[in-house]
Protein backbone atom coordinates (compact mmCIF):
# COMPACT_ATOMS: atom_id res chain seq x y z
CA MET A 1 186.00 154.89 10.16
CA GLY A 2 186.47 153.58 6.62
CA GLN A 3 184.13 153.91 3.66
CA GLY A 4 183.20 150.22 3.92
CA ALA A 5 182.07 150.61 7.52
CA LEU A 6 180.04 153.70 6.63
CA LYS A 7 178.33 151.88 3.76
CA THR A 8 177.60 148.86 5.95
CA GLY A 9 176.13 151.11 8.64
CA ARG A 10 173.88 152.85 6.12
CA SER A 11 172.86 149.52 4.63
CA ASP A 12 171.95 148.10 8.03
CA LYS A 13 169.88 151.19 8.86
CA THR A 14 168.14 151.00 5.48
CA GLY A 15 167.31 147.33 6.07
CA VAL A 16 165.87 148.05 9.52
CA THR A 17 163.75 150.92 8.19
CA ARG A 18 162.48 148.80 5.32
CA GLN A 19 161.53 146.01 7.73
CA ARG A 20 159.67 148.44 10.01
CA LEU A 21 157.73 149.77 7.03
CA LEU A 22 156.78 146.27 5.93
CA GLU A 23 155.63 145.30 9.42
CA ALA A 24 153.67 148.53 9.83
CA GLY A 25 152.09 148.02 6.41
CA LEU A 26 151.12 144.45 7.26
CA LYS A 27 149.47 145.50 10.54
CA LEU A 28 147.53 148.42 9.10
CA ILE A 29 146.44 146.67 5.92
CA SER A 30 145.34 143.66 8.00
CA ALA A 31 143.27 145.98 10.19
CA ARG A 32 141.94 148.51 7.66
CA GLY A 33 142.46 146.89 4.30
CA TYR A 34 144.54 148.02 1.38
CA LEU A 35 142.15 150.85 0.61
CA GLY A 36 141.84 152.05 4.20
CA ALA A 37 145.52 152.04 5.20
CA THR A 38 147.22 155.19 3.92
CA THR A 39 150.94 155.56 3.26
CA LYS A 40 150.99 158.46 5.72
CA GLU A 41 149.61 156.23 8.49
CA ILE A 42 151.98 153.38 7.61
CA ALA A 43 154.98 155.70 7.72
CA LYS A 44 153.85 157.14 11.04
CA LYS A 45 153.42 153.69 12.57
CA ALA A 46 156.91 152.76 11.34
CA GLY A 47 158.29 155.93 12.93
CA VAL A 48 159.47 157.57 9.71
CA ALA A 49 158.38 160.34 7.38
CA GLU A 50 156.11 159.50 4.46
CA LEU A 51 158.90 160.63 2.13
CA THR A 52 161.13 157.92 3.62
CA LEU A 53 158.47 155.33 2.83
CA PHE A 54 158.45 156.41 -0.81
CA ARG A 55 162.25 156.21 -0.96
CA HIS A 56 161.96 152.51 -0.13
CA PHE A 57 158.69 151.84 -1.97
CA PRO A 58 157.94 154.33 -4.75
CA SER A 59 154.24 153.42 -4.69
CA LYS A 60 151.70 151.88 -2.35
CA GLU A 61 151.30 149.01 -4.82
CA LEU A 62 155.00 148.13 -4.54
CA LEU A 63 154.79 148.18 -0.74
CA PHE A 64 151.80 145.85 -0.92
CA ARG A 65 153.63 143.50 -3.30
CA GLU A 66 156.59 143.27 -0.92
CA ILE A 67 154.27 142.58 2.02
CA ILE A 68 152.56 139.78 0.09
CA GLN A 69 155.89 138.29 -0.98
CA SER A 70 157.37 138.48 2.54
CA TYR A 71 154.58 137.43 4.87
CA THR A 72 152.43 134.92 3.04
CA PHE A 73 152.69 131.21 2.28
CA LEU A 74 154.90 131.56 -0.80
CA PRO A 75 158.22 132.19 1.04
CA ALA A 76 157.28 129.51 3.58
CA LEU A 77 156.62 126.99 0.80
CA LYS A 78 159.87 127.82 -1.00
CA GLY A 79 161.76 127.35 2.25
CA LEU A 80 160.02 124.04 2.85
CA LEU A 81 160.79 122.42 -0.53
CA PRO A 82 164.40 121.44 0.30
CA GLU A 83 163.13 119.65 3.42
CA LEU A 84 160.72 117.56 1.36
CA LYS A 85 163.46 115.83 -0.61
CA GLY A 86 164.33 113.61 2.32
CA VAL A 87 160.82 112.54 3.34
CA GLY A 88 158.09 110.34 1.89
CA TYR A 89 155.10 111.61 -0.07
CA ARG A 90 152.60 111.35 2.79
CA GLU A 91 154.86 113.10 5.27
CA ALA A 92 155.63 115.80 2.72
CA LEU A 93 151.94 116.49 2.10
CA LEU A 94 151.26 116.60 5.83
CA LEU A 95 154.08 119.13 6.26
CA ILE A 96 152.79 121.31 3.43
CA ALA A 97 149.22 121.22 4.72
CA GLY A 98 150.29 122.00 8.27
CA ARG A 99 152.44 124.95 7.22
CA PHE A 100 149.72 126.22 4.89
CA LEU A 101 147.02 126.18 7.56
CA GLY A 102 149.43 127.68 10.05
CA ARG A 103 150.22 130.60 7.77
CA LEU A 104 146.53 131.10 6.97
CA SER A 105 145.79 131.29 10.69
CA GLU A 106 148.60 133.80 11.24
CA ARG A 107 147.24 136.01 8.45
CA ARG A 108 143.52 135.48 9.05
CA ASP A 109 142.83 139.22 9.47
CA LEU A 110 144.61 140.07 6.22
CA ILE A 111 142.82 137.27 4.35
CA ARG A 112 139.42 138.25 5.73
CA ILE A 113 139.65 141.91 4.80
CA MET A 114 141.20 141.23 1.39
CA ASN A 115 138.42 138.79 0.51
CA SER A 116 135.81 141.37 1.49
CA GLU A 117 137.25 144.25 -0.55
CA MET A 118 139.07 142.50 -3.42
CA HIS A 119 136.39 143.56 -5.90
CA LEU A 120 137.20 147.20 -5.12
CA TYR A 121 140.95 146.96 -5.71
CA PRO A 122 142.66 148.72 -8.61
CA ARG A 123 143.77 146.44 -11.44
CA LYS A 124 147.45 146.69 -10.42
CA VAL A 125 146.70 145.44 -6.90
CA LYS A 126 144.56 142.57 -8.20
CA ASP A 127 147.39 141.60 -10.53
CA ILE A 128 149.88 141.56 -7.64
CA TYR A 129 147.62 139.23 -5.67
CA GLN A 130 146.91 136.97 -8.65
CA ASN A 131 150.63 136.72 -9.45
CA PHE A 132 151.30 135.72 -5.86
CA ILE A 133 148.64 133.00 -5.99
CA GLY A 134 150.07 131.79 -9.28
CA GLY A 135 153.54 131.66 -7.72
CA VAL A 136 152.26 129.44 -4.91
CA TYR A 137 150.64 127.04 -7.38
CA ARG A 138 153.71 126.91 -9.61
CA THR A 139 156.00 126.27 -6.66
CA LEU A 140 153.95 123.36 -5.36
CA ALA A 141 153.45 122.10 -8.94
CA SER A 142 157.24 121.85 -9.31
CA TYR A 143 157.27 119.41 -6.40
CA PHE A 144 154.58 117.25 -7.99
CA LYS A 145 156.31 117.39 -11.39
CA ASP A 146 159.56 116.15 -9.87
CA LEU A 147 157.75 113.14 -8.38
CA GLN A 148 156.08 112.47 -11.72
CA ASP A 149 159.42 112.56 -13.50
CA ARG A 150 160.69 109.98 -11.03
CA GLY A 151 157.71 107.74 -11.76
CA LEU A 152 156.19 108.08 -8.29
CA LEU A 153 152.99 109.86 -9.27
CA ARG A 154 150.53 109.22 -12.08
CA GLU A 155 150.16 111.68 -14.93
CA PHE A 156 148.09 114.78 -14.15
CA ASP A 157 148.55 118.51 -14.62
CA PRO A 158 150.85 119.44 -11.70
CA GLU A 159 149.40 122.93 -11.38
CA TYR A 160 145.85 121.61 -11.24
CA GLY A 161 147.08 119.20 -8.60
CA ALA A 162 148.50 122.11 -6.61
CA ARG A 163 145.22 123.98 -6.91
CA ALA A 164 143.24 120.94 -5.77
CA PHE A 165 145.50 120.21 -2.81
CA LEU A 166 145.67 123.74 -1.44
CA GLY A 167 142.04 124.35 -2.36
CA MET A 168 140.88 121.61 -0.01
CA PHE A 169 142.62 123.21 2.92
CA PHE A 170 141.71 126.77 2.03
CA ALA A 171 138.05 125.76 1.84
CA TYR A 172 138.34 124.05 5.22
CA PHE A 173 140.03 127.13 6.72
CA THR A 174 137.41 129.49 5.27
CA VAL A 175 134.48 127.47 6.62
CA ARG A 176 136.19 127.09 10.00
CA GLU A 177 136.69 130.85 10.26
CA LEU A 178 133.21 131.66 9.00
CA LEU A 179 131.46 129.33 11.43
CA ARG A 180 133.99 129.85 14.24
CA GLU A 181 134.33 126.08 14.48
CA ASN A 182 136.51 124.39 17.05
CA SER A 183 139.68 123.03 15.42
CA SER A 184 140.26 120.23 17.94
CA ASN A 185 139.92 117.62 15.19
CA GLU A 186 142.16 119.46 12.74
CA GLU A 187 144.84 116.76 12.74
CA GLU A 188 142.24 114.17 11.78
CA ILE A 189 140.93 116.40 8.99
CA ILE A 190 144.41 117.03 7.61
CA ASN A 191 145.19 113.31 7.61
CA GLU A 192 141.93 112.47 5.83
CA PHE A 193 142.38 115.15 3.17
CA VAL A 194 145.94 114.01 2.55
CA GLU A 195 144.81 110.40 2.25
CA ILE A 196 142.17 111.37 -0.32
CA PHE A 197 144.75 113.29 -2.34
CA ILE A 198 147.28 110.46 -2.20
CA ARG A 199 144.72 107.97 -3.52
CA GLY A 200 144.03 110.25 -6.44
CA THR A 201 147.61 110.98 -7.44
CA THR A 202 149.76 107.92 -6.81
CA ARG A 203 150.20 105.13 -9.31
């Protein structure tokens, strides 16, 4: 077996181990919170030694950052942007809102526990989360800015627009989860929110 094959084999194994650690971290942090999930428990759930975890992620904060960057709405939004170039404004907003609510629902346990203990987090962890939120806003703002540059939207701060748009749906999601409301009329709500936003942003 050549050196290239050996390197590829090691690389594949490293990638698999890294993925298992991320998935284990996501499950335990979603269940116990960032403060309650220890690196020892995460490593055990991933089937590796704690030392192996630290080879991949030198600190718990770095593991958390990678989890946030891999399993939240930011990568989904970045992947969605190329699709939006071929659709109209209304359809694009409906797609974004649908994906956003879908990802929030998938990560409801993580969101719930993070909201409850965020005030207890170390500064580094708060910064990781705030940077992630900022990345989401900036990514969506780039979409609005492109439409403004093409003369399709009126002038407004694109980042404030991103905050307003996602804020509507996050508020709806939060109230729905808090009150355990039935989401049978969710499509109607999404359409109405999108219509309100369109009226406020188009020329």
